[in-house]
Amino acid sequence: MTVLRDLAAEGHAIVLATHDVELAAEIADRVVLLADGEVIADGPTADIVVSSPSFAPQVTKILAPQHWLTVSQVRAALQPDPRPLAGS
């Protein structure tokens, strides 16, 4: 997955066929879903993978109604704020 992230960060387009929704949510900017050889959805990853419970990532299913798609997003959201509290 590091290789894919590095290539994407360098501006390379990556075409990846996978059944791994978590992987797609982690690295894809755009998702195209196929069913029986037909395009059934095409658009930004965050919009597409949460549009149906059948292809939403586990993180999204478990932590709804939050809009987190990946474990990395959950981890970042749960990090304590490094700024000191007012009055301390």
C-alpha atoms as a PDB file:
ATOM      1  CA  MET A   1       0.000   0.000   0.000  1.00  0.00           C
ATOM      2  CA  THR A   2       2.955   2.324   0.604  1.00  0.00           C
ATOM      3  CA  VAL A   3       3.929   2.045  -3.060  1.00  0.00           C
ATOM      4  CA  LEU A   4       0.400   3.039  -4.114  1.00  0.00           C
ATOM      5  CA  ARG A   5       0.380   6.015  -1.740  1.00  0.00           C
ATOM      6  CA  ASP A   6       3.801   7.154  -2.970  1.00  0.00           C
ATOM      7  CA  LEU A   7       2.759   6.921  -6.616  1.00  0.00           C
ATOM      8  CA  ALA A   8      -0.463   8.830  -5.946  1.00  0.00           C
ATOM      9  CA  ALA A   9       1.446  11.511  -4.003  1.00  0.00           C
ATOM     10  CA  GLU A  10       3.711  11.947  -7.042  1.00  0.00           C
ATOM     11  CA  GLY A  11       0.635  12.632  -9.179  1.00  0.00           C
ATOM     12  CA  HIS A  12       0.379   9.255 -10.888  1.00  0.00           C
ATOM     13  CA  ALA A  13      -3.056   7.934 -11.745  1.00  0.00           C
ATOM     14  CA  ILE A  14      -3.690   4.434 -10.428  1.00  0.00           C
ATOM     15  CA  VAL A  15      -6.352   2.087 -11.731  1.00  0.00           C
ATOM     16  CA  LEU A  16      -7.023  -0.610  -9.148  1.00  0.00           C
ATOM     17  CA  ALA A  17      -9.610  -3.373  -9.307  1.00  0.00           C
ATOM     18  CA  THR A  18     -10.406  -4.624  -5.812  1.00  0.00           C
ATOM     19  CA  HIS A  19     -13.154  -5.956  -3.577  1.00  0.00           C
ATOM     20  CA  ASP A  20     -11.414  -4.377  -0.566  1.00  0.00           C
ATOM     21  CA  VAL A  21     -13.585  -1.380   0.311  1.00  0.00           C
ATOM     22  CA  GLU A  22     -11.287  -0.409   3.182  1.00  0.00           C
ATOM     23  CA  LEU A  23      -8.309  -0.218   0.809  1.00  0.00           C
ATOM     24  CA  ALA A  24     -10.283   1.872  -1.676  1.00  0.00           C
ATOM     25  CA  ALA A  25     -11.418   4.223   1.103  1.00  0.00           C
ATOM     26  CA  GLU A  26      -7.825   4.595   2.277  1.00  0.00           C
ATOM     27  CA  ILE A  27      -6.129   5.417  -1.035  1.00  0.00           C
ATOM     28  CA  ALA A  28      -8.689   6.366  -3.686  1.00  0.00           C
ATOM     29  CA  ASP A  29      -9.858   9.863  -4.578  1.00  0.00           C
ATOM     30  CA  ARG A  30     -12.472   8.485  -6.956  1.00  0.00           C
ATOM     31  CA  VAL A  31     -14.341   5.170  -7.042  1.00  0.00           C
ATOM     32  CA  VAL A  32     -16.217   3.472  -9.858  1.00  0.00           C
ATOM     33  CA  LEU A  33     -18.458   0.584  -8.761  1.00  0.00           C
ATOM     34  CA  LEU A  34     -19.404  -2.163 -11.167  1.00  0.00           C
ATOM     35  CA  ALA A  35     -22.156  -4.770 -10.920  1.00  0.00           C
ATOM     36  CA  ASP A  36     -22.559  -7.388 -13.615  1.00  0.00           C
ATOM     37  CA  GLY A  37     -20.178  -5.403 -15.826  1.00  0.00           C
ATOM     38  CA  GLU A  38     -22.217  -2.194 -15.570  1.00  0.00           C
ATOM     39  CA  VAL A  39     -21.186   1.034 -13.829  1.00  0.00           C
ATOM     40  CA  ILE A  40     -23.579   1.538 -10.919  1.00  0.00           C
ATOM     41  CA  ALA A  41     -21.772   4.407  -9.188  1.00  0.00           C
ATOM     42  CA  ASP A  42     -18.960   6.804 -10.053  1.00  0.00           C
ATOM     43  CA  GLY A  43     -17.661   9.700  -8.006  1.00  0.00           C
ATOM     44  CA  PRO A  44     -15.657  10.862  -5.011  1.00  0.00           C
ATOM     45  CA  THR A  45     -14.755   7.989  -2.694  1.00  0.00           C
ATOM     46  CA  ALA A  46     -16.418   9.468   0.391  1.00  0.00           C
ATOM     47  CA  ASP A  47     -19.715   9.912  -1.456  1.00  0.00           C
ATOM     48  CA  ILE A  48     -19.759   6.524  -3.160  1.00  0.00           C
ATOM     49  CA  VAL A  49     -18.666   4.171  -0.393  1.00  0.00           C
ATOM     50  CA  VAL A  50     -21.225   5.470   2.091  1.00  0.00           C
ATOM     51  CA  SER A  51     -24.122   5.598  -0.369  1.00  0.00           C
ATOM     52  CA  SER A  52     -25.063   1.983   0.417  1.00  0.00           C
ATOM     53  CA  PRO A  53     -24.453  -0.107   3.538  1.00  0.00           C
ATOM     54  CA  SER A  54     -23.511  -3.049   1.330  1.00  0.00           C
ATOM     55  CA  PHE A  55     -20.257  -1.405   0.242  1.00  0.00           C
ATOM     56  CA  ALA A  56     -19.497   0.928   3.137  1.00  0.00           C
ATOM     57  CA  PRO A  57     -16.231   0.307   5.027  1.00  0.00           C
ATOM     58  CA  GLN A  58     -16.529  -1.430   8.409  1.00  0.00           C
ATOM     59  CA  VAL A  59     -15.412   1.771  10.174  1.00  0.00           C
ATOM     60  CA  THR A  60     -18.337   3.633   8.628  1.00  0.00           C
ATOM     61  CA  LYS A  61     -20.826   0.918   9.574  1.00  0.00           C
ATOM     62  CA  ILE A  62     -19.631   0.669  13.168  1.00  0.00           C
ATOM     63  CA  LEU A  63     -19.169   4.373  13.888  1.00  0.00           C
ATOM     64  CA  ALA A  64     -22.130   5.883  12.026  1.00  0.00           C
ATOM     65  CA  PRO A  65     -23.298   8.645  11.943  1.00  0.00           C
ATOM     66  CA  GLN A  66     -19.692   9.892  11.942  1.00  0.00           C
ATOM     67  CA  HIS A  67     -18.267  10.425   8.470  1.00  0.00           C
ATOM     68  CA  TRP A  68     -15.039   8.511   9.022  1.00  0.00           C
ATOM     69  CA  LEU A  69     -14.057   6.015   6.321  1.00  0.00           C
ATOM     70  CA  THR A  70     -10.737   4.685   7.607  1.00  0.00           C
ATOM     71  CA  VAL A  71      -8.992   3.715  10.821  1.00  0.00           C
ATOM     72  CA  SER A  72      -6.499   6.530  10.163  1.00  0.00           C
ATOM     73  CA  GLN A  73      -9.327   9.074  10.140  1.00  0.00           C
ATOM     74  CA  VAL A  74     -10.714   7.712  13.422  1.00  0.00           C
ATOM     75  CA  ARG A  75      -7.272   7.768  15.042  1.00  0.00           C
ATOM     76  CA  ALA A  76      -6.710  11.378  13.947  1.00  0.00           C
ATOM     77  CA  ALA A  77     -10.147  12.459  15.194  1.00  0.00           C
ATOM     78  CA  LEU A  78      -9.587  10.876  18.602  1.00  0.00           C
ATOM     79  CA  GLN A  79      -6.154  12.407  19.208  1.00  0.00           C
ATOM     80  CA  PRO A  80      -6.187  14.872  22.085  1.00  0.00           C
ATOM     81  CA  ASP A  81      -5.997  18.517  21.107  1.00  0.00           C
ATOM     82  CA  PRO A  82      -2.369  19.601  21.738  1.00  0.00           C
ATOM     83  CA  ARG A  83      -3.474  23.144  22.585  1.00  0.00           C
ATOM     84  CA  PRO A  84      -3.702  23.879  26.324  1.00  0.00           C
ATOM     85  CA  LEU A  85      -7.154  24.337  27.793  1.00  0.00           C
ATOM     86  CA  ALA A  86      -8.229  27.893  28.593  1.00  0.00           C
ATOM     87  CA  GLY A  87      -7.229  28.865  32.109  1.00  0.00           C
ATOM     88  CA  SER A  88      -4.573  26.176  32.523  1.00  0.00           C
END
